[in-house]
Amino acid sequence: MAAEPTGTFLTLDDGRPAVRFVRAYHHPVDRVWRFVTDPDELVHWFPSRAEIDLRPGGTVAFSGDPAMEDSTGRVIAVDPPRHLSFTWGEDEIHFDLEELEELEELGEKRTRFTLTNVLGARNTAARNSAGWDVCLSALDAWARGERFEGSHAGPTELGRELYEAYVAAGVPSGAPFPGADG
């Protein structure tokens, strides 16, 4: 089965390029908030260890990403448990959470999760999209109470397939792909 890209390339109202991913999780918004803010939850899906000082201007310390050196970012905005945005290198990462209607028959809360990666460079769209798709597959598994098989960080076979699918779909590319020769 071929890898299926789930991200959308777009240009924001201010002209900046971005990629966006939307998921729905069968968890209340507070639980999904922990998926995106708690370092012990992030480790299961985010490409880097992230320690986040949850206040505007707070530091985000990134470490352990096999494709990047350790670095720091800055929290742009935080509105628990609905929104978190921060810088990461030349990019911005935005998490938006929205509570969806309860499933009547199950009495279960659901949350719409939207990840928007505002790109510092247009040519990183295919690469970043492929990486986020792999990471979000790991989050999808974690949210179901399962373990993701394989690595969700660094170069992977799935990431390479997704990258090629995004390029074939016309998503801007050209930035080096982690683990690629040359």
N, C-alpha and C. Protein backbone atom coordinates (compact mmCIF):
# COMPACT_ATOMS: atom_id res chain seq x y z
N MET A 1 0.84 -1.19 0.00
CA MET A 1 0.00 0.00 0.00
C MET A 1 0.89 1.25 0.00
N ALA A 2 0.61 2.16 -0.89
CA ALA A 2 1.40 3.39 -0.99
C ALA A 2 1.08 4.32 0.17
N ALA A 3 2.08 5.09 0.56
CA ALA A 3 1.90 6.08 1.62
C ALA A 3 0.92 7.15 1.15
N GLU A 4 -0.01 7.51 2.01
CA GLU A 4 -1.03 8.51 1.69
C GLU A 4 -0.78 9.80 2.45
N PRO A 5 -0.39 10.87 1.75
CA PRO A 5 -0.20 12.16 2.42
C PRO A 5 -1.52 12.67 3.01
N THR A 6 -1.45 13.27 4.20
CA THR A 6 -2.64 13.82 4.83
C THR A 6 -2.57 15.32 5.03
N GLY A 7 -1.44 15.93 4.70
CA GLY A 7 -1.27 17.36 4.90
C GLY A 7 -1.72 18.16 3.68
N THR A 8 -1.95 19.43 3.94
CA THR A 8 -2.35 20.37 2.89
C THR A 8 -1.36 21.51 2.86
N PHE A 9 -0.84 21.81 1.67
CA PHE A 9 0.02 22.99 1.50
C PHE A 9 -0.88 24.18 1.26
N LEU A 10 -0.60 25.32 1.91
CA LEU A 10 -1.41 26.51 1.72
C LEU A 10 -0.56 27.76 1.89
N THR A 11 -1.11 28.85 1.43
CA THR A 11 -0.51 30.16 1.65
C THR A 11 -1.43 30.91 2.60
N LEU A 12 -0.89 31.36 3.73
CA LEU A 12 -1.68 32.08 4.72
C LEU A 12 -2.06 33.46 4.20
N ASP A 13 -3.00 34.09 4.86
CA ASP A 13 -3.46 35.43 4.47
C ASP A 13 -2.32 36.44 4.40
N ASP A 14 -1.29 36.24 5.23
CA ASP A 14 -0.17 37.17 5.24
C ASP A 14 0.90 36.81 4.20
N GLY A 15 0.63 35.79 3.37
CA GLY A 15 1.54 35.41 2.29
C GLY A 15 2.55 34.34 2.64
N ARG A 16 2.61 33.94 3.91
CA ARG A 16 3.58 32.92 4.31
C ARG A 16 3.09 31.53 3.92
N PRO A 17 4.03 30.65 3.48
CA PRO A 17 3.66 29.27 3.16
C PRO A 17 3.50 28.46 4.43
N ALA A 18 2.63 27.46 4.37
CA ALA A 18 2.38 26.61 5.54
C ALA A 18 1.90 25.24 5.08
N VAL A 19 2.01 24.28 5.97
CA VAL A 19 1.37 22.98 5.79
C VAL A 19 0.47 22.74 6.99
N ARG A 20 -0.67 22.11 6.73
CA ARG A 20 -1.67 21.93 7.79
C ARG A 20 -2.16 20.49 7.81
N PHE A 21 -2.38 20.01 9.03
CA PHE A 21 -2.88 18.66 9.26
C PHE A 21 -4.03 18.74 10.24
N VAL A 22 -5.09 17.98 9.99
CA VAL A 22 -6.25 17.98 10.88
C VAL A 22 -6.57 16.53 11.24
N ARG A 23 -6.81 16.30 12.51
CA ARG A 23 -7.20 14.99 13.02
C ARG A 23 -8.36 15.18 13.99
N ALA A 24 -9.10 14.11 14.24
CA ALA A 24 -10.10 14.09 15.31
C ALA A 24 -9.75 12.94 16.24
N TYR A 25 -9.69 13.25 17.53
CA TYR A 25 -9.34 12.24 18.52
C TYR A 25 -10.52 12.01 19.46
N HIS A 26 -10.70 10.78 19.87
CA HIS A 26 -11.77 10.39 20.79
C HIS A 26 -11.31 10.60 22.23
N HIS A 27 -10.94 11.83 22.50
CA HIS A 27 -10.50 12.24 23.83
C HIS A 27 -11.01 13.66 24.08
N PRO A 28 -11.24 14.01 25.34
CA PRO A 28 -11.60 15.40 25.63
C PRO A 28 -10.42 16.33 25.34
N VAL A 29 -10.71 17.59 25.16
CA VAL A 29 -9.70 18.57 24.78
C VAL A 29 -8.56 18.64 25.80
N ASP A 30 -8.86 18.47 27.08
CA ASP A 30 -7.79 18.51 28.10
C ASP A 30 -6.78 17.39 27.90
N ARG A 31 -7.26 16.23 27.48
CA ARG A 31 -6.34 15.11 27.24
C ARG A 31 -5.47 15.38 26.02
N VAL A 32 -6.06 15.89 24.96
CA VAL A 32 -5.29 16.19 23.75
C VAL A 32 -4.30 17.32 24.04
N TRP A 33 -4.68 18.26 24.90
CA TRP A 33 -3.77 19.34 25.31
C TRP A 33 -2.50 18.74 25.92
N ARG A 34 -2.65 17.71 26.73
CA ARG A 34 -1.47 17.06 27.31
C ARG A 34 -0.62 16.40 26.22
N PHE A 35 -1.25 15.86 25.17
CA PHE A 35 -0.48 15.27 24.06
C PHE A 35 0.49 16.30 23.47
N VAL A 36 0.10 17.59 23.44
CA VAL A 36 0.91 18.61 22.77
C VAL A 36 1.74 19.48 23.72
N THR A 37 1.59 19.29 25.03
CA THR A 37 2.33 20.15 25.96
C THR A 37 3.18 19.40 26.98
N ASP A 38 2.87 18.17 27.26
CA ASP A 38 3.57 17.39 28.29
C ASP A 38 4.75 16.66 27.66
N PRO A 39 5.98 16.94 28.10
CA PRO A 39 7.15 16.28 27.51
C PRO A 39 7.07 14.75 27.52
N ASP A 40 6.43 14.19 28.54
CA ASP A 40 6.30 12.73 28.61
C ASP A 40 5.26 12.19 27.65
N GLU A 41 4.40 13.03 27.13
CA GLU A 41 3.45 12.65 26.07
C GLU A 41 4.07 12.93 24.70
N LEU A 42 4.70 14.09 24.57
CA LEU A 42 5.33 14.47 23.29
C LEU A 42 6.36 13.45 22.83
N VAL A 43 7.06 12.83 23.75
CA VAL A 43 8.11 11.88 23.39
C VAL A 43 7.57 10.72 22.55
N HIS A 44 6.29 10.45 22.64
CA HIS A 44 5.70 9.34 21.90
C HIS A 44 5.40 9.67 20.45
N TRP A 45 5.47 10.96 20.09
CA TRP A 45 5.12 11.31 18.71
C TRP A 45 5.89 12.50 18.13
N PHE A 46 6.26 13.46 18.92
CA PHE A 46 6.92 14.66 18.41
C PHE A 46 8.35 14.30 17.99
N PRO A 47 8.89 14.91 16.94
CA PRO A 47 10.20 14.48 16.43
C PRO A 47 11.38 14.79 17.35
N SER A 48 11.17 15.62 18.34
CA SER A 48 12.23 16.04 19.24
C SER A 48 11.69 16.02 20.66
N ARG A 49 12.55 15.82 21.63
CA ARG A 49 12.12 16.05 23.01
C ARG A 49 11.86 17.54 23.13
N ALA A 50 10.74 17.92 23.68
CA ALA A 50 10.40 19.34 23.80
C ALA A 50 9.98 19.63 25.23
N GLU A 51 10.69 20.55 25.86
CA GLU A 51 10.36 21.05 27.19
C GLU A 51 9.84 22.47 26.98
N ILE A 52 8.56 22.70 27.31
CA ILE A 52 7.90 23.96 26.97
C ILE A 52 7.54 24.74 28.23
N ASP A 53 8.03 25.97 28.30
CA ASP A 53 7.64 26.92 29.35
C ASP A 53 6.36 27.58 28.84
N LEU A 54 5.22 27.10 29.32
CA LEU A 54 3.91 27.48 28.76
C LEU A 54 3.46 28.88 29.15
N ARG A 55 4.16 29.88 28.61
CA ARG A 55 3.76 31.28 28.77
C ARG A 55 4.31 32.04 27.57
N PRO A 56 3.61 33.08 27.12
CA PRO A 56 4.13 33.85 26.00
C PRO A 56 5.56 34.32 26.29
N GLY A 57 6.44 34.08 25.35
CA GLY A 57 7.85 34.42 25.52
C GLY A 57 8.66 33.32 26.18
N GLY A 58 7.98 32.28 26.67
CA GLY A 58 8.67 31.17 27.33
C GLY A 58 9.55 30.41 26.35
N THR A 59 10.51 29.71 26.89
CA THR A 59 11.47 28.94 26.09
C THR A 59 10.93 27.55 25.79
N VAL A 60 11.22 27.08 24.59
CA VAL A 60 10.96 25.70 24.21
C VAL A 60 12.33 25.10 23.91
N ALA A 61 12.71 24.08 24.68
CA ALA A 61 14.01 23.43 24.49
C ALA A 61 13.80 22.14 23.71
N PHE A 62 14.43 22.06 22.53
CA PHE A 62 14.32 20.88 21.67
C PHE A 62 15.62 20.09 21.77
N SER A 63 15.49 18.77 21.95
CA SER A 63 16.68 17.93 22.00
C SER A 63 16.36 16.53 21.48
N GLY A 64 17.40 15.83 21.04
CA GLY A 64 17.25 14.44 20.67
C GLY A 64 16.68 14.15 19.30
N ASP A 65 16.45 15.18 18.47
CA ASP A 65 15.97 14.95 17.11
C ASP A 65 17.15 14.48 16.27
N PRO A 66 17.06 13.28 15.66
CA PRO A 66 18.19 12.78 14.89
C PRO A 66 18.50 13.60 13.63
N ALA A 67 17.56 14.43 13.20
CA ALA A 67 17.77 15.21 11.98
C ALA A 67 18.19 16.65 12.26
N MET A 68 18.24 17.05 13.55
CA MET A 68 18.55 18.44 13.90
C MET A 68 19.42 18.49 15.15
N GLU A 69 20.19 19.56 15.25
CA GLU A 69 20.94 19.80 16.49
C GLU A 69 19.97 20.32 17.54
N ASP A 70 20.33 20.14 18.82
CA ASP A 70 19.53 20.69 19.90
C ASP A 70 19.40 22.19 19.71
N SER A 71 18.24 22.72 20.05
CA SER A 71 18.00 24.14 19.84
C SER A 71 16.93 24.63 20.81
N THR A 72 16.65 25.92 20.75
CA THR A 72 15.57 26.48 21.54
C THR A 72 14.65 27.29 20.65
N GLY A 73 13.41 27.38 21.05
CA GLY A 73 12.42 28.21 20.39
C GLY A 73 11.77 29.09 21.44
N ARG A 74 10.75 29.81 20.99
CA ARG A 74 10.06 30.74 21.88
C ARG A 74 8.56 30.54 21.73
N VAL A 75 7.85 30.52 22.85
CA VAL A 75 6.39 30.43 22.82
C VAL A 75 5.85 31.77 22.30
N ILE A 76 5.04 31.69 21.27
CA ILE A 76 4.43 32.89 20.68
C ILE A 76 3.12 33.20 21.41
N ALA A 77 2.29 32.17 21.57
CA ALA A 77 0.99 32.36 22.21
C ALA A 77 0.57 31.05 22.87
N VAL A 78 -0.16 31.18 23.95
CA VAL A 78 -0.70 30.01 24.64
C VAL A 78 -2.05 30.38 25.23
N ASP A 79 -3.04 29.53 24.97
CA ASP A 79 -4.39 29.70 25.50
C ASP A 79 -4.90 28.30 25.89
N PRO A 80 -4.48 27.82 27.09
CA PRO A 80 -4.83 26.45 27.48
C PRO A 80 -6.35 26.27 27.58
N PRO A 81 -6.90 25.20 27.19
CA PRO A 81 -6.31 24.09 26.42
C PRO A 81 -6.67 24.17 24.93
N ARG A 82 -6.65 25.35 24.37
CA ARG A 82 -7.13 25.53 22.98
C ARG A 82 -6.03 25.82 21.96
N HIS A 83 -4.98 26.55 22.38
CA HIS A 83 -3.99 26.98 21.39
C HIS A 83 -2.60 27.06 22.00
N LEU A 84 -1.63 26.61 21.21
CA LEU A 84 -0.22 26.78 21.53
C LEU A 84 0.51 27.03 20.23
N SER A 85 1.34 28.06 20.21
CA SER A 85 2.21 28.29 19.05
C SER A 85 3.59 28.68 19.55
N PHE A 86 4.60 28.22 18.79
CA PHE A 86 5.98 28.50 19.16
C PHE A 86 6.86 28.49 17.92
N THR A 87 8.03 29.09 18.06
CA THR A 87 9.01 29.06 16.98
C THR A 87 9.86 27.81 17.12
N TRP A 88 10.31 27.31 15.97
CA TRP A 88 11.23 26.18 15.93
C TRP A 88 12.12 26.41 14.72
N GLY A 89 13.34 26.83 14.97
CA GLY A 89 14.20 27.25 13.87
C GLY A 89 13.55 28.44 13.18
N GLU A 90 13.44 28.38 11.85
CA GLU A 90 12.81 29.47 11.10
C GLU A 90 11.31 29.27 10.94
N ASP A 91 10.78 28.20 11.49
CA ASP A 91 9.36 27.87 11.36
C ASP A 91 8.59 28.27 12.60
N GLU A 92 7.26 28.26 12.46
CA GLU A 92 6.35 28.37 13.59
C GLU A 92 5.48 27.12 13.59
N ILE A 93 5.21 26.61 14.77
CA ILE A 93 4.32 25.47 14.93
C ILE A 93 3.10 25.95 15.71
N HIS A 94 1.92 25.67 15.18
CA HIS A 94 0.66 26.06 15.83
C HIS A 94 -0.18 24.81 16.07
N PHE A 95 -0.63 24.63 17.31
CA PHE A 95 -1.57 23.58 17.67
C PHE A 95 -2.87 24.25 18.06
N ASP A 96 -3.95 23.86 17.40
CA ASP A 96 -5.27 24.37 17.75
C ASP A 96 -6.17 23.19 18.06
N LEU A 97 -6.86 23.27 19.19
CA LEU A 97 -7.73 22.19 19.65
C LEU A 97 -9.14 22.73 19.79
N GLU A 98 -10.09 21.95 19.31
CA GLU A 98 -11.50 22.35 19.37
C GLU A 98 -12.32 21.16 19.82
N GLU A 99 -13.10 21.36 20.89
CA GLU A 99 -13.97 20.29 21.37
C GLU A 99 -15.10 20.08 20.37
N LEU A 100 -15.32 18.82 20.01
CA LEU A 100 -16.41 18.47 19.10
C LEU A 100 -17.57 17.93 19.92
N GLU A 101 -18.72 17.82 19.29
CA GLU A 101 -19.90 17.32 20.00
C GLU A 101 -19.63 15.93 20.54
N GLU A 102 -20.26 15.63 21.68
CA GLU A 102 -20.15 14.29 22.25
C GLU A 102 -20.76 13.27 21.32
N LEU A 103 -20.20 12.08 21.35
CA LEU A 103 -20.84 10.96 20.66
C LEU A 103 -21.97 10.48 21.56
N GLU A 104 -23.19 10.74 21.13
CA GLU A 104 -24.37 10.46 21.96
C GLU A 104 -24.37 9.04 22.52
N GLU A 105 -24.19 8.07 21.65
CA GLU A 105 -24.33 6.69 22.09
C GLU A 105 -23.21 6.24 23.02
N LEU A 106 -22.06 6.89 22.96
CA LEU A 106 -20.94 6.48 23.79
C LEU A 106 -20.67 7.42 24.96
N GLY A 107 -21.27 8.60 24.93
CA GLY A 107 -20.99 9.59 25.97
C GLY A 107 -19.53 10.00 25.95
N GLU A 108 -18.95 10.02 24.77
CA GLU A 108 -17.51 10.23 24.60
C GLU A 108 -17.22 11.62 24.02
N LYS A 109 -16.23 12.27 24.55
CA LYS A 109 -15.80 13.58 24.03
C LYS A 109 -14.81 13.37 22.90
N ARG A 110 -14.85 14.28 21.93
CA ARG A 110 -13.90 14.25 20.83
C ARG A 110 -13.29 15.63 20.67
N THR A 111 -12.08 15.66 20.12
CA THR A 111 -11.36 16.91 19.91
C THR A 111 -10.81 16.96 18.49
N ARG A 112 -11.04 18.10 17.84
CA ARG A 112 -10.38 18.34 16.55
C ARG A 112 -9.01 18.95 16.85
N PHE A 113 -7.99 18.33 16.30
CA PHE A 113 -6.60 18.73 16.48
C PHE A 113 -6.12 19.26 15.13
N THR A 114 -5.62 20.49 15.12
CA THR A 114 -5.07 21.07 13.90
C THR A 114 -3.64 21.50 14.17
N LEU A 115 -2.73 20.97 13.37
CA LEU A 115 -1.32 21.36 13.43
C LEU A 115 -1.03 22.16 12.17
N THR A 116 -0.54 23.38 12.34
CA THR A 116 -0.12 24.21 11.21
C THR A 116 1.35 24.51 11.40
N ASN A 117 2.14 24.14 10.39
CA ASN A 117 3.57 24.45 10.37
C ASN A 117 3.75 25.61 9.39
N VAL A 118 3.96 26.81 9.94
CA VAL A 118 4.24 27.97 9.10
C VAL A 118 5.72 27.88 8.75
N LEU A 119 5.98 27.82 7.46
CA LEU A 119 7.32 27.52 6.96
C LEU A 119 8.20 28.75 6.83
N GLY A 120 9.44 28.62 7.28
CA GLY A 120 10.40 29.68 7.08
C GLY A 120 10.85 29.76 5.63
N ALA A 121 10.77 28.63 4.91
CA ALA A 121 11.15 28.57 3.50
C ALA A 121 10.16 27.67 2.76
N ARG A 122 9.67 28.15 1.65
CA ARG A 122 8.68 27.43 0.84
C ARG A 122 9.17 26.04 0.43
N ASN A 123 10.46 25.91 0.12
CA ASN A 123 10.97 24.63 -0.40
C ASN A 123 11.05 23.53 0.66
N THR A 124 10.67 23.83 1.91
CA THR A 124 10.66 22.81 2.96
C THR A 124 9.29 22.13 3.08
N ALA A 125 8.32 22.54 2.27
CA ALA A 125 6.94 22.05 2.43
C ALA A 125 6.83 20.53 2.30
N ALA A 126 7.38 19.94 1.25
CA ALA A 126 7.26 18.49 1.06
C ALA A 126 8.00 17.74 2.16
N ARG A 127 9.19 18.19 2.48
CA ARG A 127 9.98 17.54 3.53
C ARG A 127 9.27 17.59 4.87
N ASN A 128 8.83 18.78 5.27
CA ASN A 128 8.17 18.92 6.56
C ASN A 128 6.84 18.17 6.60
N SER A 129 6.11 18.20 5.49
CA SER A 129 4.84 17.47 5.43
C SER A 129 5.05 15.98 5.66
N ALA A 130 6.05 15.42 5.00
CA ALA A 130 6.34 14.00 5.18
C ALA A 130 6.70 13.70 6.63
N GLY A 131 7.52 14.55 7.22
CA GLY A 131 7.90 14.35 8.62
C GLY A 131 6.72 14.42 9.55
N TRP A 132 5.85 15.43 9.36
CA TRP A 132 4.68 15.54 10.23
C TRP A 132 3.74 14.37 10.04
N ASP A 133 3.58 13.89 8.81
CA ASP A 133 2.72 12.73 8.59
C ASP A 133 3.20 11.53 9.40
N VAL A 134 4.51 11.29 9.41
CA VAL A 134 5.05 10.18 10.19
C VAL A 134 4.79 10.42 11.69
N CYS A 135 5.09 11.62 12.15
CA CYS A 135 4.88 11.94 13.57
C CYS A 135 3.42 11.80 13.96
N LEU A 136 2.52 12.28 13.11
CA LEU A 136 1.10 12.21 13.45
C LEU A 136 0.57 10.78 13.38
N SER A 137 1.18 9.93 12.58
CA SER A 137 0.83 8.50 12.62
C SER A 137 1.17 7.94 13.99
N ALA A 138 2.29 8.37 14.54
CA ALA A 138 2.67 7.95 15.89
C ALA A 138 1.69 8.50 16.92
N LEU A 139 1.27 9.77 16.78
CA LEU A 139 0.29 10.34 17.70
C LEU A 139 -1.04 9.62 17.57
N ASP A 140 -1.46 9.31 16.35
CA ASP A 140 -2.71 8.58 16.14
C ASP A 140 -2.68 7.26 16.92
N ALA A 141 -1.57 6.53 16.81
CA ALA A 141 -1.43 5.26 17.52
C ALA A 141 -1.46 5.49 19.04
N TRP A 142 -0.70 6.49 19.50
CA TRP A 142 -0.64 6.78 20.94
C TRP A 142 -2.02 7.14 21.48
N ALA A 143 -2.79 7.92 20.72
CA ALA A 143 -4.13 8.32 21.14
C ALA A 143 -5.07 7.12 21.23
N ARG A 144 -4.81 6.08 20.44
CA ARG A 144 -5.60 4.85 20.51
C ARG A 144 -5.09 3.89 21.59
N GLY A 145 -4.02 4.28 22.29
CA GLY A 145 -3.46 3.42 23.32
C GLY A 145 -2.52 2.36 22.76
N GLU A 146 -2.02 2.59 21.55
CA GLU A 146 -1.12 1.65 20.90
C GLU A 146 0.27 2.25 20.79
N ARG A 147 1.23 1.41 20.49
CA ARG A 147 2.59 1.88 20.23
C ARG A 147 2.79 1.96 18.72
N PHE A 148 3.49 2.99 18.28
CA PHE A 148 3.82 3.16 16.88
C PHE A 148 5.01 2.27 16.56
N GLU A 149 4.89 1.47 15.54
CA GLU A 149 5.98 0.58 15.15
C GLU A 149 6.97 1.36 14.29
N GLY A 150 8.21 1.39 14.72
CA GLY A 150 9.24 2.10 13.97
C GLY A 150 9.49 3.47 14.56
N SER A 151 10.42 4.18 13.93
CA SER A 151 10.80 5.50 14.40
C SER A 151 9.83 6.55 13.87
N HIS A 152 9.54 7.54 14.71
CA HIS A 152 8.74 8.68 14.25
C HIS A 152 9.60 9.92 14.08
N ALA A 153 10.90 9.78 14.27
CA ALA A 153 11.83 10.91 14.13
C ALA A 153 13.00 10.48 13.26
N GLY A 154 13.48 11.41 12.47
CA GLY A 154 14.61 11.12 11.61
C GLY A 154 14.16 10.42 10.35
N PRO A 155 15.11 10.06 9.50
CA PRO A 155 14.76 9.44 8.22
C PRO A 155 14.16 8.05 8.41
N THR A 156 13.05 7.81 7.72
CA THR A 156 12.39 6.51 7.75
C THR A 156 11.95 6.16 6.34
N GLU A 157 11.71 4.89 6.11
CA GLU A 157 11.18 4.46 4.80
C GLU A 157 9.82 5.11 4.54
N LEU A 158 8.95 5.11 5.57
CA LEU A 158 7.65 5.75 5.42
C LEU A 158 7.81 7.23 5.10
N GLY A 159 8.72 7.90 5.79
CA GLY A 159 8.96 9.33 5.52
C GLY A 159 9.40 9.56 4.08
N ARG A 160 10.28 8.72 3.57
CA ARG A 160 10.75 8.84 2.18
C ARG A 160 9.58 8.65 1.20
N GLU A 161 8.74 7.63 1.45
CA GLU A 161 7.58 7.40 0.57
C GLU A 161 6.63 8.59 0.60
N LEU A 162 6.39 9.12 1.78
CA LEU A 162 5.50 10.27 1.90
C LEU A 162 6.10 11.50 1.20
N TYR A 163 7.39 11.71 1.38
CA TYR A 163 8.06 12.82 0.72
C TYR A 163 7.86 12.73 -0.79
N GLU A 164 8.11 11.56 -1.34
CA GLU A 164 7.95 11.37 -2.79
C GLU A 164 6.50 11.60 -3.22
N ALA A 165 5.54 11.19 -2.39
CA ALA A 165 4.13 11.42 -2.70
C ALA A 165 3.79 12.91 -2.68
N TYR A 166 4.32 13.65 -1.72
CA TYR A 166 4.09 15.09 -1.68
C TYR A 166 4.72 15.78 -2.90
N VAL A 167 5.95 15.40 -3.25
CA VAL A 167 6.60 15.98 -4.43
C VAL A 167 5.77 15.68 -5.67
N ALA A 168 5.31 14.43 -5.82
CA ALA A 168 4.50 14.05 -6.98
C ALA A 168 3.20 14.85 -7.04
N ALA A 169 2.68 15.25 -5.88
CA ALA A 169 1.45 16.03 -5.82
C ALA A 169 1.69 17.53 -6.07
N GLY A 170 2.96 17.90 -6.28
CA GLY A 170 3.27 19.30 -6.59
C GLY A 170 3.54 20.18 -5.39
N VAL A 171 3.70 19.59 -4.21
CA VAL A 171 4.02 20.39 -3.02
C VAL A 171 5.46 20.88 -3.16
N PRO A 172 5.72 22.15 -2.88
CA PRO A 172 7.09 22.69 -3.05
C PRO A 172 8.13 21.85 -2.32
N SER A 173 9.24 21.62 -3.01
CA SER A 173 10.30 20.78 -2.46
C SER A 173 11.65 21.38 -2.81
N GLY A 174 12.70 20.69 -2.45
CA GLY A 174 14.04 21.14 -2.75
C GLY A 174 14.95 21.19 -1.55
N ALA A 175 14.38 21.32 -0.35
CA ALA A 175 15.20 21.30 0.86
C ALA A 175 15.74 19.90 1.07
N PRO A 176 16.92 19.77 1.64
CA PRO A 176 17.49 18.43 1.86
C PRO A 176 16.56 17.56 2.69
N PHE A 177 16.44 16.30 2.28
CA PHE A 177 15.64 15.34 3.01
C PHE A 177 16.55 14.57 3.95
N PRO A 178 16.21 14.47 5.24
CA PRO A 178 17.09 13.80 6.21
C PRO A 178 17.45 12.38 5.77
N GLY A 179 18.74 12.09 5.81
CA GLY A 179 19.22 10.76 5.47
C GLY A 179 19.45 10.53 4.00
N ALA A 180 19.09 11.51 3.17
CA ALA A 180 19.29 11.35 1.72
C ALA A 180 20.77 11.57 1.39
N ASP A 181 21.25 10.81 0.46
CA ASP A 181 22.64 10.98 0.02
C ASP A 181 22.78 12.30 -0.71
N GLY A 182 23.88 12.99 -0.43
CA GLY A 182 24.16 14.26 -1.12
C GLY A 182 23.33 15.31 -0.55
